[in-house]
Amino acid sequence: MPTEPLNHIFGPVPSRRLGKSLGVDLIPFKTCCLDCLYCECGKTTVHTLEMKEYVAAREIIREIDAFLGGAPALDVITFAGSGEPTLNTALPEVLRHVRAHYPQYKTALLTNGSLLYLEEVRQSALPFDFVLPSLDAVRQRTFEKINQPAGGLSNRQVIEGLIAFSKMYSGILWVEVFIIPGINDDETELALFRETLGRISLDRVHLNTLDRPPAFAGVQPASPERLRRIARLLAPLPVEIVSRKSEAGPRISLSRRDIDYFLATLRRRPMTVEDLSVTLGKNINEMYVLLDTLISKKLVTTRIVGDRTFYLAV
């Protein structure tokens, strides 16, 4: 664990799709081109399409070097976090540094895909081993309702950018479709999804729904049965319903520095006790003791989604 505070690195966290993932956050909280109803990071505070160096490449690289100097066990380094990473024009420089100095790790880009209509953004995404964009709607009115884009962004741009990128990209492309019952799961939208996704040279469609506290109240998860039916309707596309898989790790103690780092992670991503046990290497009983202590000190709070309890830093 680095001795200096890290403002742009978080985790490692257990990723349902990528394994043990170290997050690289290129954007100040919560700067994004969309304001999605379901976002686990909360409501967008800087709603913009402006690309610039929001955080300096040298600052992010310094933190990456501080963390990776100890050669931690990781599956992937994921450019993601509390906003849209492709808004930061420092992304290509940071990625080049990671690939040059830490080639033992795979790299992934977790993006809403909204800027892939720009050639420079497509070029910056090409070197990643994995690119995971989202496509939550085909009709413009559905896009506006779910994703609430910054002014001037059309869903046609998003879709055409994703198609164009998929024709250029040689890595693994997984497109996530986030289902919100009553908004983007009617028969017309699903038929449009099947046609549109069929135009994208993708490796897999990840069908997802709410399982963390959303930015906006009232968003409900789709049932497992509904997701299975949608997966059948999207055939013959390669559809996978995303599922949560967690295992408790070995027992270890946590220092004050470790706890600070853990809280910094929770500020970016609500997590269940199972997630936290993997991330921190503690068994679940120990994890509950730690969480009870942090809750009593008003450093952590809880939110319930469905039948799961999520922990968030205050």
C-alpha atoms as a PDB file:
ATOM      1  CA  MET A   1       0.000   0.000   0.000  1.00  0.00           C
ATOM      2  CA  PRO A   2       1.460   3.419  -0.960  1.00  0.00           C
ATOM      3  CA  THR A   3       2.397   5.789   1.867  1.00  0.00           C
ATOM      4  CA  GLU A   4       1.076   8.914   0.095  1.00  0.00           C
ATOM      5  CA  PRO A   5      -2.672   9.562  -0.355  1.00  0.00           C
ATOM      6  CA  LEU A   6      -4.034   8.492  -3.741  1.00  0.00           C
ATOM      7  CA  ASN A   7      -6.736  10.651  -5.281  1.00  0.00           C
ATOM      8  CA  HIS A   8      -7.040   9.025  -8.694  1.00  0.00           C
ATOM      9  CA  ILE A   9      -6.451   5.326  -7.997  1.00  0.00           C
ATOM     10  CA  PHE A  10      -9.023   3.100  -6.294  1.00  0.00           C
ATOM     11  CA  GLY A  11      -9.340  -0.554  -5.412  1.00  0.00           C
ATOM     12  CA  PRO A  12      -8.438  -3.161  -6.351  1.00  0.00           C
ATOM     13  CA  VAL A  13     -12.131  -4.002  -6.498  1.00  0.00           C
ATOM     14  CA  PRO A  14     -13.846  -7.246  -7.531  1.00  0.00           C
ATOM     15  CA  SER A  15     -15.252  -6.682 -11.015  1.00  0.00           C
ATOM     16  CA  ARG A  16     -18.006  -8.993 -12.188  1.00  0.00           C
ATOM     17  CA  ARG A  17     -16.601  -8.911 -15.714  1.00  0.00           C
ATOM     18  CA  LEU A  18     -12.867  -8.323 -15.389  1.00  0.00           C
ATOM     19  CA  GLY A  19     -11.787  -9.964 -12.140  1.00  0.00           C
ATOM     20  CA  LYS A  20      -9.522  -8.112  -9.689  1.00  0.00           C
ATOM     21  CA  SER A  21      -9.436  -4.599 -11.090  1.00  0.00           C
ATOM     22  CA  LEU A  22      -7.391  -1.528 -10.138  1.00  0.00           C
ATOM     23  CA  GLY A  23      -9.325   1.596 -11.029  1.00  0.00           C
ATOM     24  CA  VAL A  24      -7.764   4.692 -12.598  1.00  0.00           C
ATOM     25  CA  ASP A  25     -10.047   7.726 -12.269  1.00  0.00           C
ATOM     26  CA  LEU A  26      -9.155  10.441 -14.787  1.00  0.00           C
ATOM     27  CA  ILE A  27     -12.025  12.814 -14.029  1.00  0.00           C
ATOM     28  CA  PRO A  28     -13.054  15.027 -11.090  1.00  0.00           C
ATOM     29  CA  PHE A  29     -16.201  13.762  -9.386  1.00  0.00           C
ATOM     30  CA  LYS A  30     -18.819  13.700 -11.126  1.00  0.00           C
ATOM     31  CA  THR A  31     -17.907  15.092 -14.560  1.00  0.00           C
ATOM     32  CA  CYS A  32     -19.740  13.379 -17.394  1.00  0.00           C
ATOM     33  CA  CYS A  33     -21.498  13.872 -20.715  1.00  0.00           C
ATOM     34  CA  LEU A  34     -24.487  11.918 -19.381  1.00  0.00           C
ATOM     35  CA  ASP A  35     -26.552  11.975 -16.196  1.00  0.00           C
ATOM     36  CA  CYS A  36     -27.827   8.392 -16.152  1.00  0.00           C
ATOM     37  CA  LEU A  37     -30.742   7.515 -13.913  1.00  0.00           C
ATOM     38  CA  TYR A  38     -28.999   4.402 -12.607  1.00  0.00           C
ATOM     39  CA  CYS A  39     -25.433   5.660 -12.088  1.00  0.00           C
ATOM     40  CA  GLU A  40     -23.839   4.238  -8.937  1.00  0.00           C
ATOM     41  CA  CYS A  41     -21.613   7.324  -8.618  1.00  0.00           C
ATOM     42  CA  GLY A  42     -24.590   9.646  -8.135  1.00  0.00           C
ATOM     43  CA  LYS A  43     -25.943  12.576 -10.115  1.00  0.00           C
ATOM     44  CA  THR A  44     -23.701  14.393 -12.577  1.00  0.00           C
ATOM     45  CA  THR A  45     -22.457  17.709 -11.207  1.00  0.00           C
ATOM     46  CA  VAL A  46     -20.447  18.866 -14.254  1.00  0.00           C
ATOM     47  CA  HIS A  47     -22.571  18.016 -17.291  1.00  0.00           C
ATOM     48  CA  THR A  48     -20.377  18.622 -20.317  1.00  0.00           C
ATOM     49  CA  LEU A  49     -19.030  17.495 -23.675  1.00  0.00           C
ATOM     50  CA  GLU A  50     -15.869  19.573 -23.276  1.00  0.00           C
ATOM     51  CA  MET A  51     -12.660  17.562 -23.618  1.00  0.00           C
ATOM     52  CA  LYS A  52      -9.598  18.884 -21.795  1.00  0.00           C
ATOM     53  CA  GLU A  53      -6.912  17.781 -19.328  1.00  0.00           C
ATOM     54  CA  TYR A  54      -9.157  17.723 -16.276  1.00  0.00           C
ATOM     55  CA  VAL A  55      -6.415  16.028 -14.258  1.00  0.00           C
ATOM     56  CA  ALA A  56      -2.785  16.267 -15.381  1.00  0.00           C
ATOM     57  CA  ALA A  57      -1.243  13.120 -16.848  1.00  0.00           C
ATOM     58  CA  ARG A  58       1.844  13.496 -14.624  1.00  0.00           C
ATOM     59  CA  GLU A  59      -0.330  13.509 -11.492  1.00  0.00           C
ATOM     60  CA  ILE A  60      -2.126  10.308 -12.449  1.00  0.00           C
ATOM     61  CA  ILE A  61       1.105   8.623 -13.558  1.00  0.00           C
ATOM     62  CA  ARG A  62       2.757   9.466 -10.231  1.00  0.00           C
ATOM     63  CA  GLU A  63      -0.030   7.658  -8.373  1.00  0.00           C
ATOM     64  CA  ILE A  64       0.037   4.680 -10.741  1.00  0.00           C
ATOM     65  CA  ASP A  65       3.783   4.289 -10.204  1.00  0.00           C
ATOM     66  CA  ALA A  66       3.352   4.579  -6.439  1.00  0.00           C
ATOM     67  CA  PHE A  67       0.776   1.795  -6.397  1.00  0.00           C
ATOM     68  CA  LEU A  68       2.184  -0.558  -9.012  1.00  0.00           C
ATOM     69  CA  GLY A  69       5.757  -0.309  -7.755  1.00  0.00           C
ATOM     70  CA  GLY A  70       4.976  -3.180  -5.405  1.00  0.00           C
ATOM     71  CA  ALA A  71       3.824  -5.424  -8.278  1.00  0.00           C
ATOM     72  CA  PRO A  72       0.383  -6.179  -6.766  1.00  0.00           C
ATOM     73  CA  ALA A  73      -1.632  -9.172  -7.911  1.00  0.00           C
ATOM     74  CA  LEU A  74      -4.179  -7.796 -10.377  1.00  0.00           C
ATOM     75  CA  ASP A  75      -6.156  -9.029 -13.354  1.00  0.00           C
ATOM     76  CA  VAL A  76      -6.598  -5.678 -15.076  1.00  0.00           C
ATOM     77  CA  ILE A  77      -6.086  -1.919 -14.805  1.00  0.00           C
ATOM     78  CA  THR A  78      -9.402  -0.255 -15.598  1.00  0.00           C
ATOM     79  CA  PHE A  79      -9.750   3.360 -16.683  1.00  0.00           C
ATOM     80  CA  ALA A  80     -13.094   4.216 -15.100  1.00  0.00           C
ATOM     81  CA  GLY A  81     -14.311   5.874 -11.916  1.00  0.00           C
ATOM     82  CA  SER A  82     -16.528   8.836 -11.103  1.00  0.00           C
ATOM     83  CA  GLY A  83     -17.098  10.295 -14.570  1.00  0.00           C
ATOM     84  CA  GLU A  84     -16.491   9.702 -18.286  1.00  0.00           C
ATOM     85  CA  PRO A  85     -12.748   8.945 -18.734  1.00  0.00           C
ATOM     86  CA  THR A  86     -12.587   9.856 -22.412  1.00  0.00           C
ATOM     87  CA  LEU A  87     -13.339  13.495 -21.540  1.00  0.00           C
ATOM     88  CA  ASN A  88      -9.760  13.773 -20.228  1.00  0.00           C
ATOM     89  CA  THR A  89      -7.311  14.463 -23.045  1.00  0.00           C
ATOM     90  CA  ALA A  90      -4.565  13.010 -20.802  1.00  0.00           C
ATOM     91  CA  LEU A  91      -5.946   9.496 -21.335  1.00  0.00           C
ATOM     92  CA  PRO A  92      -3.613   8.500 -24.236  1.00  0.00           C
ATOM     93  CA  GLU A  93      -0.472   9.607 -22.355  1.00  0.00           C
ATOM     94  CA  VAL A  94      -1.459   7.749 -19.186  1.00  0.00           C
ATOM     95  CA  LEU A  95      -2.311   4.603 -21.143  1.00  0.00           C
ATOM     96  CA  ARG A  96       1.012   4.693 -23.005  1.00  0.00           C
ATOM     97  CA  HIS A  97       2.831   4.894 -19.667  1.00  0.00           C
ATOM     98  CA  VAL A  98       0.932   1.903 -18.253  1.00  0.00           C
ATOM     99  CA  ARG A  99       1.513  -0.229 -21.335  1.00  0.00           C
ATOM    100  CA  ALA A 100       5.219   0.698 -21.505  1.00  0.00           C
ATOM    101  CA  HIS A 101       6.058   0.205 -17.815  1.00  0.00           C
ATOM    102  CA  TYR A 102       3.549  -2.437 -16.657  1.00  0.00           C
ATOM    103  CA  PRO A 103       2.973  -4.727 -19.647  1.00  0.00           C
ATOM    104  CA  GLN A 104       2.148  -7.645 -17.333  1.00  0.00           C
ATOM    105  CA  TYR A 105      -1.298  -6.140 -16.715  1.00  0.00           C
ATOM    106  CA  LYS A 106      -4.240  -6.063 -19.107  1.00  0.00           C
ATOM    107  CA  THR A 107      -5.926  -2.693 -19.599  1.00  0.00           C
ATOM    108  CA  ALA A 108      -9.627  -1.898 -19.874  1.00  0.00           C
ATOM    109  CA  LEU A 109     -11.658   1.189 -20.713  1.00  0.00           C
ATOM    110  CA  LEU A 110     -15.065   1.484 -19.045  1.00  0.00           C
ATOM    111  CA  THR A 111     -16.903   4.174 -20.998  1.00  0.00           C
ATOM    112  CA  ASN A 112     -20.428   5.320 -21.722  1.00  0.00           C
ATOM    113  CA  GLY A 113     -19.365   5.411 -25.380  1.00  0.00           C
ATOM    114  CA  SER A 114     -20.866   8.829 -25.957  1.00  0.00           C
ATOM    115  CA  LEU A 115     -17.707  10.362 -27.467  1.00  0.00           C
ATOM    116  CA  LEU A 116     -16.715   7.528 -29.796  1.00  0.00           C
ATOM    117  CA  TYR A 117     -18.159   9.501 -32.694  1.00  0.00           C
ATOM    118  CA  LEU A 118     -14.964  11.594 -32.452  1.00  0.00           C
ATOM    119  CA  GLU A 119     -11.956  10.213 -34.338  1.00  0.00           C
ATOM    120  CA  GLU A 120      -9.499  11.249 -31.613  1.00  0.00           C
ATOM    121  CA  VAL A 121     -11.501   9.371 -28.992  1.00  0.00           C
ATOM    122  CA  ARG A 122     -11.664   6.240 -31.135  1.00  0.00           C
ATOM    123  CA  GLN A 123      -7.892   6.413 -31.624  1.00  0.00           C
ATOM    124  CA  SER A 124      -7.286   6.815 -27.882  1.00  0.00           C
ATOM    125  CA  ALA A 125      -9.390   3.716 -27.146  1.00  0.00           C
ATOM    126  CA  LEU A 126      -7.775   1.406 -29.716  1.00  0.00           C
ATOM    127  CA  PRO A 127      -4.746   0.291 -27.585  1.00  0.00           C
ATOM    128  CA  PHE A 128      -6.885  -1.063 -24.705  1.00  0.00           C
ATOM    129  CA  ASP A 129      -7.140  -4.836 -24.304  1.00  0.00           C
ATOM    130  CA  PHE A 130     -10.818  -4.493 -23.323  1.00  0.00           C
ATOM    131  CA  VAL A 131     -13.280  -1.744 -24.169  1.00  0.00           C
ATOM    132  CA  LEU A 132     -16.633  -1.814 -22.371  1.00  0.00           C
ATOM    133  CA  PRO A 133     -19.034   0.823 -23.720  1.00  0.00           C
ATOM    134  CA  SER A 134     -22.721   1.188 -22.886  1.00  0.00           C
ATOM    135  CA  LEU A 135     -25.767   1.390 -25.112  1.00  0.00           C
ATOM    136  CA  ASP A 136     -28.954   1.842 -23.100  1.00  0.00           C
ATOM    137  CA  ALA A 137     -31.322   3.015 -25.831  1.00  0.00           C
ATOM    138  CA  VAL A 138     -31.821   3.255 -29.565  1.00  0.00           C
ATOM    139  CA  ARG A 139     -34.671   5.757 -29.805  1.00  0.00           C
ATOM    140  CA  GLN A 140     -33.675   9.334 -29.022  1.00  0.00           C
ATOM    141  CA  ARG A 141     -36.485   9.882 -26.519  1.00  0.00           C
ATOM    142  CA  THR A 142     -35.473   6.759 -24.594  1.00  0.00           C
ATOM    143  CA  PHE A 143     -31.835   7.887 -24.634  1.00  0.00           C
ATOM    144  CA  GLU A 144     -32.842  11.280 -23.247  1.00  0.00           C
ATOM    145  CA  LYS A 145     -34.972   9.724 -20.519  1.00  0.00           C
ATOM    146  CA  ILE A 146     -32.382   7.211 -19.272  1.00  0.00           C
ATOM    147  CA  ASN A 147     -29.064   8.885 -20.027  1.00  0.00           C
ATOM    148  CA  GLN A 148     -29.983  12.591 -19.921  1.00  0.00           C
ATOM    149  CA  PRO A 149     -27.187  13.702 -22.292  1.00  0.00           C
ATOM    150  CA  ALA A 150     -25.414  17.036 -22.270  1.00  0.00           C
ATOM    151  CA  GLY A 151     -26.839  19.480 -24.789  1.00  0.00           C
ATOM    152  CA  GLY A 152     -26.184  18.740 -28.437  1.00  0.00           C
ATOM    153  CA  LEU A 153     -25.490  14.994 -28.114  1.00  0.00           C
ATOM    154  CA  SER A 154     -27.743  12.702 -30.130  1.00  0.00           C
ATOM    155  CA  ASN A 155     -28.063   8.971 -29.755  1.00  0.00           C
ATOM    156  CA  ARG A 156     -27.488   8.580 -33.491  1.00  0.00           C
ATOM    157  CA  GLN A 157     -23.990  10.023 -32.967  1.00  0.00           C
ATOM    158  CA  VAL A 158     -23.391   7.579 -30.116  1.00  0.00           C
ATOM    159  CA  ILE A 159     -24.526   4.571 -32.137  1.00  0.00           C
ATOM    160  CA  GLU A 160     -22.634   5.483 -35.300  1.00  0.00           C
ATOM    161  CA  GLY A 161     -19.504   6.161 -33.244  1.00  0.00           C
ATOM    162  CA  LEU A 162     -19.755   2.765 -31.597  1.00  0.00           C
ATOM    163  CA  ILE A 163     -20.240   1.021 -34.939  1.00  0.00           C
ATOM    164  CA  ALA A 164     -17.272   2.862 -36.463  1.00  0.00           C
ATOM    165  CA  PHE A 165     -15.048   2.044 -33.482  1.00  0.00           C
ATOM    166  CA  SER A 166     -15.991  -1.638 -33.571  1.00  0.00           C
ATOM    167  CA  LYS A 167     -14.817  -1.893 -37.193  1.00  0.00           C
ATOM    168  CA  MET A 168     -11.377  -0.500 -36.231  1.00  0.00           C
ATOM    169  CA  TYR A 169     -10.830  -2.273 -32.915  1.00  0.00           C
ATOM    170  CA  SER A 170      -8.930  -5.550 -32.597  1.00  0.00           C
ATOM    171  CA  GLY A 171      -9.302  -6.088 -28.842  1.00  0.00           C
ATOM    172  CA  ILE A 172     -12.249  -7.456 -26.852  1.00  0.00           C
ATOM    173  CA  LEU A 173     -15.413  -5.363 -27.122  1.00  0.00           C
ATOM    174  CA  TRP A 174     -18.205  -5.966 -24.616  1.00  0.00           C
ATOM    175  CA  VAL A 175     -21.267  -3.739 -24.984  1.00  0.00           C
ATOM    176  CA  GLU A 176     -23.427  -3.299 -21.887  1.00  0.00           C
ATOM    177  CA  VAL A 177     -27.175  -2.776 -22.149  1.00  0.00           C
ATOM    178  CA  PHE A 178     -28.675  -1.600 -18.855  1.00  0.00           C
ATOM    179  CA  ILE A 179     -32.336  -2.512 -18.563  1.00  0.00           C
ATOM    180  CA  ILE A 180     -34.741  -0.257 -16.647  1.00  0.00           C
ATOM    181  CA  PRO A 181     -38.222  -1.801 -16.595  1.00  0.00           C
ATOM    182  CA  GLY A 182     -40.860   0.386 -18.178  1.00  0.00           C
ATOM    183  CA  ILE A 183     -38.365   2.597 -20.012  1.00  0.00           C
ATOM    184  CA  ASN A 184     -36.184   0.613 -22.422  1.00  0.00           C
ATOM    185  CA  ASP A 185     -37.656  -2.891 -22.377  1.00  0.00           C
ATOM    186  CA  ASP A 186     -40.760  -2.568 -24.580  1.00  0.00           C
ATOM    187  CA  GLU A 187     -41.011  -4.703 -27.696  1.00  0.00           C
ATOM    188  CA  THR A 188     -40.143  -1.851 -30.076  1.00  0.00           C
ATOM    189  CA  GLU A 189     -36.976  -0.858 -28.225  1.00  0.00           C
ATOM    190  CA  LEU A 190     -35.850  -4.473 -27.903  1.00  0.00           C
ATOM    191  CA  ALA A 191     -36.300  -5.050 -31.643  1.00  0.00           C
ATOM    192  CA  LEU A 192     -34.238  -1.920 -32.308  1.00  0.00           C
ATOM    193  CA  PHE A 193     -31.573  -3.172 -29.889  1.00  0.00           C
ATOM    194  CA  ARG A 194     -31.325  -6.458 -31.779  1.00  0.00           C
ATOM    195  CA  GLU A 195     -30.956  -4.698 -35.135  1.00  0.00           C
ATOM    196  CA  THR A 196     -28.504  -2.051 -33.873  1.00  0.00           C
ATOM    197  CA  LEU A 197     -26.299  -4.385 -31.828  1.00  0.00           C
ATOM    198  CA  GLY A 198     -26.145  -6.650 -34.866  1.00  0.00           C
ATOM    199  CA  ARG A 199     -24.372  -3.837 -36.739  1.00  0.00           C
ATOM    200  CA  ILE A 200     -21.620  -3.653 -34.107  1.00  0.00           C
ATOM    201  CA  SER A 201     -18.616  -5.983 -34.361  1.00  0.00           C
ATOM    202  CA  LEU A 202     -18.776  -6.991 -30.710  1.00  0.00           C
ATOM    203  CA  ASP A 203     -17.631 -10.000 -28.736  1.00  0.00           C
ATOM    204  CA  ARG A 204     -20.441 -10.021 -26.209  1.00  0.00           C
ATOM    205  CA  VAL A 205     -23.541  -8.147 -25.076  1.00  0.00           C
ATOM    206  CA  HIS A 206     -23.694  -7.737 -21.308  1.00  0.00           C
ATOM    207  CA  LEU A 207     -27.289  -7.475 -20.161  1.00  0.00           C
ATOM    208  CA  ASN A 208     -27.356  -5.643 -16.845  1.00  0.00           C
ATOM    209  CA  THR A 209     -29.824  -4.103 -14.418  1.00  0.00           C
ATOM    210  CA  LEU A 210     -29.814  -2.269 -11.118  1.00  0.00           C
ATOM    211  CA  ASP A 211     -27.916  -3.880  -8.243  1.00  0.00           C
ATOM    212  CA  ARG A 212     -26.352  -0.813  -6.609  1.00  0.00           C
ATOM    213  CA  PRO A 213     -27.910   2.390  -5.253  1.00  0.00           C
ATOM    214  CA  PRO A 214     -28.920   4.557  -8.242  1.00  0.00           C
ATOM    215  CA  ALA A 215     -28.445   8.284  -8.783  1.00  0.00           C
ATOM    216  CA  PHE A 216     -32.198   8.871  -9.049  1.00  0.00           C
ATOM    217  CA  ALA A 217     -34.899   7.422  -6.813  1.00  0.00           C
ATOM    218  CA  GLY A 218     -37.528   5.211  -8.381  1.00  0.00           C
ATOM    219  CA  VAL A 219     -35.252   3.162 -10.630  1.00  0.00           C
ATOM    220  CA  GLN A 220     -36.090  -0.517 -10.185  1.00  0.00           C
ATOM    221  CA  PRO A 221     -34.191  -3.650 -11.258  1.00  0.00           C
ATOM    222  CA  ALA A 222     -35.467  -6.007 -13.913  1.00  0.00           C
ATOM    223  CA  SER A 223     -36.275  -9.474 -12.607  1.00  0.00           C
ATOM    224  CA  PRO A 224     -34.034 -12.417 -13.530  1.00  0.00           C
ATOM    225  CA  GLU A 225     -36.931 -13.843 -15.537  1.00  0.00           C
ATOM    226  CA  ARG A 226     -37.295 -10.610 -17.496  1.00  0.00           C
ATOM    227  CA  LEU A 227     -33.572 -10.498 -18.258  1.00  0.00           C
ATOM    228  CA  ARG A 228     -33.659 -14.092 -19.478  1.00  0.00           C
ATOM    229  CA  ARG A 229     -36.578 -13.280 -21.766  1.00  0.00           C
ATOM    230  CA  ILE A 230     -34.771 -10.233 -23.170  1.00  0.00           C
ATOM    231  CA  ALA A 231     -31.667 -12.360 -23.759  1.00  0.00           C
ATOM    232  CA  ARG A 232     -33.780 -14.783 -25.788  1.00  0.00           C
ATOM    233  CA  LEU A 233     -35.313 -11.914 -27.780  1.00  0.00           C
ATOM    234  CA  LEU A 234     -31.825 -10.637 -28.662  1.00  0.00           C
ATOM    235  CA  ALA A 235     -30.757 -14.009 -30.098  1.00  0.00           C
ATOM    236  CA  PRO A 236     -28.615 -14.865 -32.015  1.00  0.00           C
ATOM    237  CA  LEU A 237     -26.461 -12.118 -30.463  1.00  0.00           C
ATOM    238  CA  PRO A 238     -23.917 -13.400 -27.882  1.00  0.00           C
ATOM    239  CA  VAL A 239     -25.751 -12.210 -24.753  1.00  0.00           C
ATOM    240  CA  GLU A 240     -24.589 -12.745 -21.186  1.00  0.00           C
ATOM    241  CA  ILE A 241     -26.612 -11.701 -18.154  1.00  0.00           C
ATOM    242  CA  VAL A 242     -24.153 -10.110 -15.754  1.00  0.00           C
ATOM    243  CA  SER A 243     -24.056 -11.819 -12.357  1.00  0.00           C
ATOM    244  CA  ARG A 244     -22.352 -10.964  -9.099  1.00  0.00           C
ATOM    245  CA  LYS A 245     -19.653 -13.404  -7.975  1.00  0.00           C
ATOM    246  CA  SER A 246     -17.755 -12.842  -4.756  1.00  0.00           C
ATOM    247  CA  GLU A 247     -15.641 -14.921  -2.450  1.00  0.00           C
ATOM    248  CA  ALA A 248     -14.198 -14.051   0.916  1.00  0.00           C
ATOM    249  CA  GLY A 249     -10.432 -13.744   1.062  1.00  0.00           C
ATOM    250  CA  PRO A 250      -7.893 -14.597   3.758  1.00  0.00           C
ATOM    251  CA  ARG A 251      -7.833 -12.933   7.178  1.00  0.00           C
ATOM    252  CA  ILE A 252      -5.507  -9.914   7.510  1.00  0.00           C
ATOM    253  CA  SER A 253      -5.388  -6.782   9.668  1.00  0.00           C
ATOM    254  CA  LEU A 254      -5.931  -3.249   8.386  1.00  0.00           C
ATOM    255  CA  SER A 255      -3.837  -0.187   9.213  1.00  0.00           C
ATOM    256  CA  ARG A 256      -5.202   3.358   9.453  1.00  0.00           C
ATOM    257  CA  ARG A 257      -3.787   3.992   5.988  1.00  0.00           C
ATOM    258  CA  ASP A 258      -5.586   0.921   4.650  1.00  0.00           C
ATOM    259  CA  ILE A 259      -8.876   2.157   6.133  1.00  0.00           C
ATOM    260  CA  ASP A 260      -8.406   5.587   4.544  1.00  0.00           C
ATOM    261  CA  TYR A 261      -7.811   3.881   1.215  1.00  0.00           C
ATOM    262  CA  PHE A 262     -10.871   1.696   1.737  1.00  0.00           C
ATOM    263  CA  LEU A 263     -13.030   4.776   2.423  1.00  0.00           C
ATOM    264  CA  ALA A 264     -11.690   6.455  -0.712  1.00  0.00           C
ATOM    265  CA  THR A 265     -12.830   3.402  -2.688  1.00  0.00           C
ATOM    266  CA  LEU A 266     -16.308   3.532  -1.139  1.00  0.00           C
ATOM    267  CA  ARG A 267     -16.648   7.184  -2.134  1.00  0.00           C
ATOM    268  CA  ARG A 268     -16.488   6.082  -5.754  1.00  0.00           C
ATOM    269  CA  ARG A 269     -18.336   2.794  -5.638  1.00  0.00           C
ATOM    270  CA  PRO A 270     -20.984   1.470  -3.228  1.00  0.00           C
ATOM    271  CA  MET A 271     -20.125  -2.096  -2.261  1.00  0.00           C
ATOM    272  CA  THR A 272     -21.666  -5.048  -0.458  1.00  0.00           C
ATOM    273  CA  VAL A 273     -19.984  -6.796   2.437  1.00  0.00           C
ATOM    274  CA  GLU A 274     -19.050  -9.598   0.036  1.00  0.00           C
ATOM    275  CA  ASP A 275     -17.367  -7.116  -2.318  1.00  0.00           C
ATOM    276  CA  LEU A 276     -15.462  -5.588   0.573  1.00  0.00           C
ATOM    277  CA  SER A 277     -14.269  -8.924   1.897  1.00  0.00           C
ATOM    278  CA  VAL A 278     -12.639  -9.615  -1.475  1.00  0.00           C
ATOM    279  CA  THR A 279     -11.190  -6.122  -1.831  1.00  0.00           C
ATOM    280  CA  LEU A 280      -9.706  -5.993   1.675  1.00  0.00           C
ATOM    281  CA  GLY A 281      -8.823  -9.642   2.106  1.00  0.00           C
ATOM    282  CA  LYS A 282     -10.946 -10.081   5.257  1.00  0.00           C
ATOM    283  CA  ASN A 283     -13.550 -12.693   6.014  1.00  0.00           C
ATOM    284  CA  ILE A 284     -17.146 -11.525   6.202  1.00  0.00           C
ATOM    285  CA  ASN A 285     -17.436 -11.674  10.002  1.00  0.00           C
ATOM    286  CA  GLU A 286     -14.378  -9.426  10.389  1.00  0.00           C
ATOM    287  CA  MET A 287     -15.795  -7.163   7.704  1.00  0.00           C
ATOM    288  CA  TYR A 288     -19.033  -6.686   9.616  1.00  0.00           C
ATOM    289  CA  VAL A 289     -17.087  -5.730  12.743  1.00  0.00           C
ATOM    290  CA  LEU A 290     -15.098  -3.117  10.795  1.00  0.00           C
ATOM    291  CA  LEU A 291     -18.207  -1.742   9.104  1.00  0.00           C
ATOM    292  CA  ASP A 292     -20.110  -1.485  12.382  1.00  0.00           C
ATOM    293  CA  THR A 293     -17.212   0.540  13.807  1.00  0.00           C
ATOM    294  CA  LEU A 294     -17.093   2.864  10.805  1.00  0.00           C
ATOM    295  CA  ILE A 295     -20.872   3.311  10.835  1.00  0.00           C
ATOM    296  CA  SER A 296     -20.789   4.213  14.551  1.00  0.00           C
ATOM    297  CA  LYS A 297     -18.159   6.855  13.734  1.00  0.00           C
ATOM    298  CA  LYS A 298     -20.420   8.177  10.927  1.00  0.00           C
ATOM    299  CA  LEU A 299     -17.758   7.437   8.301  1.00  0.00           C
ATOM    300  CA  VAL A 300     -19.897   4.897   6.452  1.00  0.00           C
ATOM    301  CA  THR A 301     -23.611   4.614   5.796  1.00  0.00           C
ATOM    302  CA  THR A 302     -25.841   2.024   4.136  1.00  0.00           C
ATOM    303  CA  ARG A 303     -28.424   1.852   1.390  1.00  0.00           C
ATOM    304  CA  ILE A 304     -30.632  -1.089   0.495  1.00  0.00           C
ATOM    305  CA  VAL A 305     -31.330  -2.060  -3.113  1.00  0.00           C
ATOM    306  CA  GLY A 306     -33.573  -5.058  -3.543  1.00  0.00           C
ATOM    307  CA  ASP A 307     -32.329  -7.620  -1.049  1.00  0.00           C
ATOM    308  CA  ARG A 308     -28.749  -6.286  -0.873  1.00  0.00           C
ATOM    309  CA  THR A 309     -27.185  -3.834   1.570  1.00  0.00           C
ATOM    310  CA  PHE A 310     -24.577  -1.485   0.108  1.00  0.00           C
ATOM    311  CA  TYR A 311     -22.004   0.498   2.077  1.00  0.00           C
ATOM    312  CA  LEU A 312     -21.040   4.050   1.100  1.00  0.00           C
ATOM    313  CA  ALA A 313     -18.512   6.483   2.534  1.00  0.00           C
ATOM    314  CA  VAL A 314     -20.103   9.558   4.091  1.00  0.00           C
END
